[in-house]
């Protein structure tokens, strides 16, 4: 069946009037999650591979020094934790799912350390951005503690999110850009394999 010429003109005019931000062209909604679980190189790649995660940034938060450097944070004197900030689409991945990944991405029973990385900058923490995130984090932590998966109590702190300072450029996407580095092969790759993210 042929479409009348006047209908084709109307359809073309309607398409021309569509603007970014319309229902059909609006970008995905985003929310923010912030976690600390040891060296940010380790957990950055784990979260980056989760469907629905749009961006992961390694950085520093939870301290008192403005715009700290990596060397300053490593001294343990700034109060910051190495952390990641995640932009995610809640329609594709729920905050609860991110919390599940968080508990499996590191050992939340280790106080101020992860493996050989020792110091308050390697502490386990969830930095919440809303009352809803706090409630979800508290419930998830309690469930993880009851699960029997860990042989010691979880020491993860749940605290309000503060200023997040992105780390230096060379820390971003560290694993992807440095897969052959000894730390990546010895520490990060085994974590990814354990979670089924790499063969």
Protein backbone atom coordinates (compact mmCIF):
# COMPACT_ATOMS: atom_id res chain seq x y z
CA UNK A 1 0.00 0.00 0.00
CA UNK A 2 1.32 3.42 -0.95
CA UNK A 3 1.53 6.08 1.78
CA UNK A 4 -0.13 9.35 0.72
CA UNK A 5 2.36 12.09 -0.11
CA UNK A 6 0.90 14.46 2.50
CA UNK A 7 1.50 11.84 5.26
CA UNK A 8 5.14 11.51 4.24
CA UNK A 9 5.56 15.29 4.53
CA UNK A 10 4.04 15.27 8.03
CA UNK A 11 6.29 12.42 9.16
CA UNK A 12 9.36 14.20 7.87
CA UNK A 13 8.37 17.41 9.64
CA UNK A 14 7.83 15.58 12.93
CA UNK A 15 11.25 13.93 12.70
CA UNK A 16 12.91 17.26 11.98
CA UNK A 17 11.36 18.78 15.12
CA UNK A 18 12.72 16.04 17.44
CA UNK A 19 15.42 17.42 19.71
CA UNK A 20 17.97 15.85 22.06
CA UNK A 21 16.30 15.32 25.40
CA UNK A 22 13.08 14.04 23.86
CA UNK A 23 11.82 10.70 25.15
CA UNK A 24 13.31 8.77 22.25
CA UNK A 25 16.69 10.48 22.29
CA UNK A 26 17.25 11.25 26.00
CA UNK A 27 20.54 9.95 27.43
CA UNK A 28 20.41 7.27 30.08
CA UNK A 29 19.81 8.50 33.63
CA UNK A 30 22.83 8.17 35.87
CA UNK A 31 23.53 7.77 39.56
CA UNK A 32 26.80 7.80 41.49
CA UNK A 33 28.32 5.20 43.79
CA UNK A 34 31.62 5.51 45.65
CA UNK A 35 33.53 2.58 47.16
CA UNK A 36 36.93 1.99 48.76
CA UNK A 37 38.27 -1.55 48.89
CA UNK A 38 42.04 -1.50 48.91
CA UNK A 39 44.14 -0.48 45.92
CA UNK A 40 41.91 1.30 43.41
CA UNK A 41 43.69 -0.43 40.53
CA UNK A 42 42.16 -3.72 41.69
CA UNK A 43 38.53 -2.79 42.05
CA UNK A 44 38.34 -0.29 39.18
CA UNK A 45 38.46 -2.98 36.48
CA UNK A 46 36.01 -5.26 38.31
CA UNK A 47 33.35 -2.56 38.33
CA UNK A 48 34.20 -1.32 34.85
CA UNK A 49 33.15 -4.69 33.45
CA UNK A 50 29.69 -4.66 35.05
CA UNK A 51 26.82 -4.13 32.55
CA UNK A 52 25.14 -0.81 33.27
CA UNK A 53 28.28 0.85 34.62
CA UNK A 54 28.99 3.86 32.44
CA UNK A 55 32.26 5.15 33.91
CA UNK A 56 34.68 4.33 36.72
CA UNK A 57 37.13 6.90 38.05
CA UNK A 58 39.95 6.13 40.47
CA UNK A 59 40.61 8.78 43.08
CA UNK A 60 40.84 9.84 46.70
CA UNK A 61 38.12 10.66 49.24
CA UNK A 62 37.42 10.72 52.95
CA UNK A 63 40.39 12.87 53.97
CA UNK A 64 41.22 16.44 54.91
CA UNK A 65 43.88 17.53 52.40
CA UNK A 66 42.57 19.37 49.35
CA UNK A 67 43.59 17.97 45.97
CA UNK A 68 45.98 15.37 47.40
CA UNK A 69 48.61 13.68 45.29
CA UNK A 70 49.20 9.95 45.17
CA UNK A 71 52.40 10.36 47.19
CA UNK A 72 50.55 12.31 49.87
CA UNK A 73 47.77 9.72 50.12
CA UNK A 74 50.32 6.90 50.29
CA UNK A 75 51.91 8.58 53.31
CA UNK A 76 48.71 7.86 55.24
CA UNK A 77 48.70 11.41 56.59
CA UNK A 78 45.89 12.93 54.49
CA UNK A 79 43.11 10.68 55.80
CA UNK A 80 42.01 9.78 52.29
CA UNK A 81 41.17 6.32 51.03
CA UNK A 82 42.00 5.10 47.57
CA UNK A 83 38.52 4.82 46.09
CA UNK A 84 36.54 4.57 42.90
CA UNK A 85 33.58 6.65 41.83
CA UNK A 86 31.09 4.94 39.57
CA UNK A 87 28.56 6.50 37.20
CA UNK A 88 25.87 3.91 36.52
CA UNK A 89 22.49 3.57 34.85
CA UNK A 90 20.05 2.37 37.55
CA UNK A 91 17.75 1.01 34.85
CA UNK A 92 20.46 -1.47 33.85
CA UNK A 93 22.22 -2.18 37.15
CA UNK A 94 20.80 -1.60 40.62
CA UNK A 95 22.78 -0.10 43.48
CA UNK A 96 22.14 -3.36 45.38
CA UNK A 97 23.95 -5.25 42.61
CA UNK A 98 26.93 -2.89 42.90
CA UNK A 99 27.00 -3.64 46.63
CA UNK A 100 27.06 -7.38 45.89
CA UNK A 101 30.04 -6.84 43.59
CA UNK A 102 31.74 -4.71 46.26
CA UNK A 103 31.62 -7.51 48.86
CA UNK A 104 33.13 -10.01 46.42
CA UNK A 105 35.74 -7.63 44.97
CA UNK A 106 37.80 -7.44 48.18
CA UNK A 107 38.05 -8.79 51.73
CA UNK A 108 35.89 -6.47 53.88
CA UNK A 109 37.09 -8.13 57.11
CA UNK A 110 40.62 -6.72 56.83
CA UNK A 111 41.09 -3.49 58.80
CA UNK A 112 43.07 -0.81 56.99
CA UNK A 113 44.64 -3.20 54.50
CA UNK A 114 44.10 -5.49 51.53
CA UNK A 115 46.70 -8.19 51.26
CA UNK A 116 50.15 -6.63 51.13
CA UNK A 117 48.73 -3.10 50.82
CA UNK A 118 48.67 -1.75 54.38
CA UNK A 119 47.49 1.59 55.74
CA UNK A 120 44.30 3.58 56.32
CA UNK A 121 44.36 4.58 52.65
CA UNK A 122 43.47 0.95 51.85
CA UNK A 123 40.49 0.77 54.20
CA UNK A 124 37.14 -0.72 53.24
CA UNK A 125 34.40 1.89 53.03
CA UNK A 126 31.13 2.74 51.32
CA UNK A 127 30.62 6.45 50.75
CA UNK A 128 26.87 6.99 50.43
CA UNK A 129 25.27 9.76 48.38
CA UNK A 130 21.73 9.56 49.77
CA UNK A 131 19.60 8.18 52.58
CA UNK A 132 18.44 5.45 50.19
CA UNK A 133 22.04 4.40 49.53
CA UNK A 134 22.78 4.37 53.26
CA UNK A 135 19.78 2.13 53.96
CA UNK A 136 20.73 -0.22 51.12
CA UNK A 137 24.37 -0.34 52.25
CA UNK A 138 23.46 -1.06 55.88
CA UNK A 139 21.08 -3.85 54.86
CA UNK A 140 23.60 -5.32 52.42
CA UNK A 141 26.39 -5.24 55.01
CA UNK A 142 24.19 -7.00 57.57
CA UNK A 143 23.22 -9.65 55.02
CA UNK A 144 26.86 -10.19 54.02
CA UNK A 145 27.82 -10.56 57.70
CA UNK A 146 25.07 -13.17 58.20
CA UNK A 147 25.88 -15.06 55.02
CA UNK A 148 28.68 -17.14 56.52
CA UNK A 149 30.88 -16.26 53.56
CA UNK A 150 33.37 -14.45 55.80
CA UNK A 151 35.05 -16.05 58.79
CA UNK A 152 35.50 -12.70 60.57
CA UNK A 153 33.22 -9.68 61.11
CA UNK A 154 33.02 -7.12 58.33
CA UNK A 155 34.85 -3.89 59.24
CA UNK A 156 33.62 -1.78 56.31
CA UNK A 157 32.60 1.75 57.28
CA UNK A 158 29.49 3.34 55.80
CA UNK A 159 29.93 7.11 55.74
CA UNK A 160 28.56 10.14 53.87
CA UNK A 161 30.24 10.86 50.55
CA UNK A 162 32.43 13.94 50.52
CA UNK A 163 34.67 15.56 47.95
CA UNK A 164 36.11 13.06 45.50
CA UNK A 165 39.44 13.93 43.90
CA UNK A 166 40.24 12.04 40.68
CA UNK A 167 43.67 10.43 40.81
CA UNK A 168 46.45 11.26 38.39
CA UNK A 169 45.87 10.24 34.77
CA UNK A 170 48.25 7.28 34.91
CA UNK A 171 46.03 5.62 37.53
CA UNK A 172 42.95 5.65 35.30
CA UNK A 173 42.15 2.35 33.53
CA UNK A 174 45.41 1.09 35.00
CA UNK A 175 44.78 -2.60 34.42
CA UNK A 176 43.65 -2.20 30.83
CA UNK A 177 46.74 -0.18 29.98
CA UNK A 178 49.24 -2.22 32.00
CA UNK A 179 48.11 -5.84 31.82
CA UNK A 180 51.67 -7.12 31.60
CA UNK A 181 52.85 -5.25 34.70
CA UNK A 182 53.79 -7.59 37.58
CA UNK A 183 51.13 -6.19 39.96
CA UNK A 184 48.42 -6.63 37.34
CA UNK A 185 49.42 -10.23 36.61
CA UNK A 186 49.94 -11.24 40.24
CA UNK A 187 47.09 -9.42 41.98
CA UNK A 188 44.43 -8.00 39.64
CA UNK A 189 44.17 -10.75 37.02
CA UNK A 190 43.55 -13.50 39.64
CA UNK A 191 40.71 -11.39 41.11
CA UNK A 192 39.13 -11.00 37.68
CA UNK A 193 39.45 -14.72 36.96
CA UNK A 194 37.92 -15.59 40.34
CA UNK A 195 34.88 -13.44 39.47
CA UNK A 196 34.63 -14.90 35.97
CA UNK A 197 35.55 -11.64 34.28
CA UNK A 198 38.58 -13.06 32.46
CA UNK A 199 39.48 -16.54 31.22
